[in-house]
């Protein structure tokens, strides 16, 4: 019997060295990765967590990490995510895909959350804005 798993792309506060990394439990780190340049990155609720979504043009390549999670681990991670985040497939620069937790573009626009894409990733943003 094989155990069903999901490959999950992490690009925010659950990255190695970030405060929510423990939310991954003992998920297996597979590799560093980045998306194709078709996404935007925002600071939701003024830095509480990142919000990414896919765009037709003007996107960036978001750096992150890919983990292998059991269905139980995935469901636990999904339950720990902030409100409005939803799992969806993202395209990776290496030609693969993984599940990531995206944030609705319409909510980003409604609340005017800061576009932090120019920092080049969540970790770079957090380092640049640390007080």
C-alpha atoms as a PDB file:
ATOM      1  CA  UNK A   1       0.000   0.000   0.000  1.00  0.00           C
ATOM      2  CA  UNK A   2       1.354   3.416  -0.930  1.00  0.00           C
ATOM      3  CA  UNK A   3       0.689   6.519   1.091  1.00  0.00           C
ATOM      4  CA  UNK A   4      -0.817   9.378  -0.896  1.00  0.00           C
ATOM      5  CA  UNK A   5       1.242  12.561  -0.722  1.00  0.00           C
ATOM      6  CA  UNK A   6       1.150  16.052  -2.167  1.00  0.00           C
ATOM      7  CA  UNK A   7       4.031  18.252  -3.262  1.00  0.00           C
ATOM      8  CA  UNK A   8       3.501  21.684  -1.734  1.00  0.00           C
ATOM      9  CA  UNK A   9       5.262  24.912  -2.718  1.00  0.00           C
ATOM     10  CA  UNK A  10       5.958  27.092   0.330  1.00  0.00           C
ATOM     11  CA  UNK A  11       6.875  30.739  -0.267  1.00  0.00           C
ATOM     12  CA  UNK A  12       6.045  32.609   2.943  1.00  0.00           C
ATOM     13  CA  UNK A  13       6.079  32.372   6.704  1.00  0.00           C
ATOM     14  CA  UNK A  14       6.496  28.556   6.700  1.00  0.00           C
ATOM     15  CA  UNK A  15       9.836  28.674   4.850  1.00  0.00           C
ATOM     16  CA  UNK A  16      12.922  27.390   6.660  1.00  0.00           C
ATOM     17  CA  UNK A  17      14.043  30.074   9.098  1.00  0.00           C
ATOM     18  CA  UNK A  18      10.609  31.755   9.197  1.00  0.00           C
ATOM     19  CA  UNK A  19       8.306  31.835  12.245  1.00  0.00           C
ATOM     20  CA  UNK A  20       5.671  29.387  10.955  1.00  0.00           C
ATOM     21  CA  UNK A  21       8.043  26.701   9.669  1.00  0.00           C
ATOM     22  CA  UNK A  22       6.834  24.394  12.448  1.00  0.00           C
ATOM     23  CA  UNK A  23       3.428  24.316  10.719  1.00  0.00           C
ATOM     24  CA  UNK A  24       4.996  21.869   8.251  1.00  0.00           C
ATOM     25  CA  UNK A  25       5.641  19.360  11.035  1.00  0.00           C
ATOM     26  CA  UNK A  26       7.949  16.634   9.796  1.00  0.00           C
ATOM     27  CA  UNK A  27       7.108  17.143   6.123  1.00  0.00           C
ATOM     28  CA  UNK A  28       9.945  16.102   3.827  1.00  0.00           C
ATOM     29  CA  UNK A  29      11.930  18.980   2.264  1.00  0.00           C
ATOM     30  CA  UNK A  30      12.452  18.148  -1.421  1.00  0.00           C
ATOM     31  CA  UNK A  31      14.152  21.167  -2.975  1.00  0.00           C
ATOM     32  CA  UNK A  32      14.342  24.899  -3.405  1.00  0.00           C
ATOM     33  CA  UNK A  33      12.253  26.068  -6.329  1.00  0.00           C
ATOM     34  CA  UNK A  34      10.677  29.120  -7.891  1.00  0.00           C
ATOM     35  CA  UNK A  35       7.516  29.757  -9.841  1.00  0.00           C
ATOM     36  CA  UNK A  36       7.382  30.766 -13.455  1.00  0.00           C
ATOM     37  CA  UNK A  37       7.265  34.607 -13.713  1.00  0.00           C
ATOM     38  CA  UNK A  38       3.453  34.748 -13.638  1.00  0.00           C
ATOM     39  CA  UNK A  39       2.683  35.664 -10.020  1.00  0.00           C
ATOM     40  CA  UNK A  40       2.449  38.779  -7.821  1.00  0.00           C
ATOM     41  CA  UNK A  41       3.383  38.879  -4.135  1.00  0.00           C
ATOM     42  CA  UNK A  42       1.659  41.121  -1.582  1.00  0.00           C
ATOM     43  CA  UNK A  43       2.064  41.801   2.121  1.00  0.00           C
ATOM     44  CA  UNK A  44      -1.347  40.912   3.524  1.00  0.00           C
ATOM     45  CA  UNK A  45      -2.450  42.734   6.656  1.00  0.00           C
ATOM     46  CA  UNK A  46       0.778  44.751   6.701  1.00  0.00           C
ATOM     47  CA  UNK A  47       3.204  41.865   6.896  1.00  0.00           C
ATOM     48  CA  UNK A  48       1.184  39.228   8.724  1.00  0.00           C
ATOM     49  CA  UNK A  49       1.487  36.829   5.781  1.00  0.00           C
ATOM     50  CA  UNK A  50       2.133  36.847   2.048  1.00  0.00           C
ATOM     51  CA  UNK A  51      -0.564  36.770  -0.566  1.00  0.00           C
ATOM     52  CA  UNK A  52       0.265  35.449  -4.024  1.00  0.00           C
ATOM     53  CA  UNK A  53      -1.901  35.133  -7.090  1.00  0.00           C
ATOM     54  CA  UNK A  54      -1.398  34.417 -10.779  1.00  0.00           C
ATOM     55  CA  UNK A  55      -1.499  37.220 -13.361  1.00  0.00           C
ATOM     56  CA  UNK A  56      -1.676  37.234 -17.150  1.00  0.00           C
ATOM     57  CA  UNK A  57       1.193  39.746 -17.446  1.00  0.00           C
ATOM     58  CA  UNK A  58       3.608  41.640 -15.234  1.00  0.00           C
ATOM     59  CA  UNK A  59       4.359  38.716 -12.946  1.00  0.00           C
ATOM     60  CA  UNK A  60       7.533  37.711 -11.159  1.00  0.00           C
ATOM     61  CA  UNK A  61       9.160  34.407 -10.323  1.00  0.00           C
ATOM     62  CA  UNK A  62       8.601  33.756  -6.601  1.00  0.00           C
ATOM     63  CA  UNK A  63      11.285  31.772  -4.751  1.00  0.00           C
ATOM     64  CA  UNK A  64      10.286  29.061  -2.316  1.00  0.00           C
ATOM     65  CA  UNK A  65      10.661  25.477  -1.226  1.00  0.00           C
ATOM     66  CA  UNK A  66       8.879  22.263  -2.210  1.00  0.00           C
ATOM     67  CA  UNK A  67       7.863  19.767   0.470  1.00  0.00           C
ATOM     68  CA  UNK A  68       6.247  16.351   0.347  1.00  0.00           C
ATOM     69  CA  UNK A  69       3.270  16.165   2.692  1.00  0.00           C
ATOM     70  CA  UNK A  70       1.003  13.278   3.561  1.00  0.00           C
ATOM     71  CA  UNK A  71      -2.712  13.976   3.189  1.00  0.00           C
ATOM     72  CA  UNK A  72      -2.920  14.363   6.983  1.00  0.00           C
ATOM     73  CA  UNK A  73      -0.029  16.859   6.996  1.00  0.00           C
ATOM     74  CA  UNK A  74      -1.564  18.746   4.075  1.00  0.00           C
ATOM     75  CA  UNK A  75      -4.937  18.989   5.802  1.00  0.00           C
ATOM     76  CA  UNK A  76      -3.280  20.214   9.017  1.00  0.00           C
ATOM     77  CA  UNK A  77      -1.350  22.848   7.047  1.00  0.00           C
ATOM     78  CA  UNK A  78      -4.525  23.922   5.243  1.00  0.00           C
ATOM     79  CA  UNK A  79      -6.275  24.371   8.598  1.00  0.00           C
ATOM     80  CA  UNK A  80      -3.374  26.513   9.898  1.00  0.00           C
ATOM     81  CA  UNK A  81      -3.424  28.908   6.943  1.00  0.00           C
ATOM     82  CA  UNK A  82      -4.841  32.421   7.439  1.00  0.00           C
ATOM     83  CA  UNK A  83      -8.393  33.196   6.314  1.00  0.00           C
ATOM     84  CA  UNK A  84      -9.126  33.374   2.564  1.00  0.00           C
ATOM     85  CA  UNK A  85      -6.035  31.419   1.491  1.00  0.00           C
ATOM     86  CA  UNK A  86      -6.844  28.485  -0.773  1.00  0.00           C
ATOM     87  CA  UNK A  87      -4.812  25.637  -2.288  1.00  0.00           C
ATOM     88  CA  UNK A  88      -4.174  25.754  -6.023  1.00  0.00           C
ATOM     89  CA  UNK A  89      -1.610  24.394  -8.432  1.00  0.00           C
ATOM     90  CA  UNK A  90       1.302  26.673  -9.352  1.00  0.00           C
ATOM     91  CA  UNK A  91       3.703  26.280 -12.235  1.00  0.00           C
ATOM     92  CA  UNK A  92       7.365  25.981 -11.314  1.00  0.00           C
ATOM     93  CA  UNK A  93      10.320  27.232 -13.332  1.00  0.00           C
ATOM     94  CA  UNK A  94      11.740  23.691 -13.595  1.00  0.00           C
ATOM     95  CA  UNK A  95       8.655  22.629 -15.578  1.00  0.00           C
ATOM     96  CA  UNK A  96       6.899  20.948 -12.668  1.00  0.00           C
ATOM     97  CA  UNK A  97       3.892  21.909 -10.620  1.00  0.00           C
ATOM     98  CA  UNK A  98       3.036  21.901  -6.937  1.00  0.00           C
ATOM     99  CA  UNK A  99       0.190  22.990  -4.702  1.00  0.00           C
ATOM    100  CA  UNK A 100       0.564  26.434  -3.113  1.00  0.00           C
ATOM    101  CA  UNK A 101      -1.708  28.519  -0.942  1.00  0.00           C
ATOM    102  CA  UNK A 102      -2.875  31.509  -2.963  1.00  0.00           C
ATOM    103  CA  UNK A 103      -4.748  34.611  -1.879  1.00  0.00           C
ATOM    104  CA  UNK A 104      -7.668  36.122  -3.816  1.00  0.00           C
ATOM    105  CA  UNK A 105      -6.492  39.016  -5.998  1.00  0.00           C
ATOM    106  CA  UNK A 106      -9.815  40.779  -5.503  1.00  0.00           C
ATOM    107  CA  UNK A 107      -9.245  40.933  -1.722  1.00  0.00           C
ATOM    108  CA  UNK A 108      -5.700  42.250  -2.211  1.00  0.00           C
ATOM    109  CA  UNK A 109      -7.101  45.009  -4.401  1.00  0.00           C
ATOM    110  CA  UNK A 110     -10.074  45.698  -2.110  1.00  0.00           C
ATOM    111  CA  UNK A 111      -7.840  46.242   0.923  1.00  0.00           C
ATOM    112  CA  UNK A 112      -4.923  47.783  -0.975  1.00  0.00           C
ATOM    113  CA  UNK A 113      -2.334  45.383   0.462  1.00  0.00           C
ATOM    114  CA  UNK A 114       1.191  46.442  -0.511  1.00  0.00           C
ATOM    115  CA  UNK A 115       2.682  44.812  -3.608  1.00  0.00           C
ATOM    116  CA  UNK A 116       6.074  43.522  -2.450  1.00  0.00           C
ATOM    117  CA  UNK A 117       6.976  41.669  -5.648  1.00  0.00           C
ATOM    118  CA  UNK A 118       9.983  43.954  -6.204  1.00  0.00           C
ATOM    119  CA  UNK A 119      11.681  42.495  -3.098  1.00  0.00           C
ATOM    120  CA  UNK A 120      11.974  39.160  -4.897  1.00  0.00           C
ATOM    121  CA  UNK A 121      10.358  36.953  -2.252  1.00  0.00           C
ATOM    122  CA  UNK A 122       8.920  36.811   1.255  1.00  0.00           C
ATOM    123  CA  UNK A 123      12.236  36.229   3.049  1.00  0.00           C
ATOM    124  CA  UNK A 124      13.879  39.164   1.240  1.00  0.00           C
ATOM    125  CA  UNK A 125      10.899  41.366   2.129  1.00  0.00           C
ATOM    126  CA  UNK A 126      11.001  40.378   5.805  1.00  0.00           C
ATOM    127  CA  UNK A 127      14.777  40.989   5.964  1.00  0.00           C
ATOM    128  CA  UNK A 128      14.492  44.379   4.256  1.00  0.00           C
ATOM    129  CA  UNK A 129      11.688  45.574   6.536  1.00  0.00           C
ATOM    130  CA  UNK A 130      12.931  44.178   9.865  1.00  0.00           C
ATOM    131  CA  UNK A 131      13.195  46.879  12.515  1.00  0.00           C
END
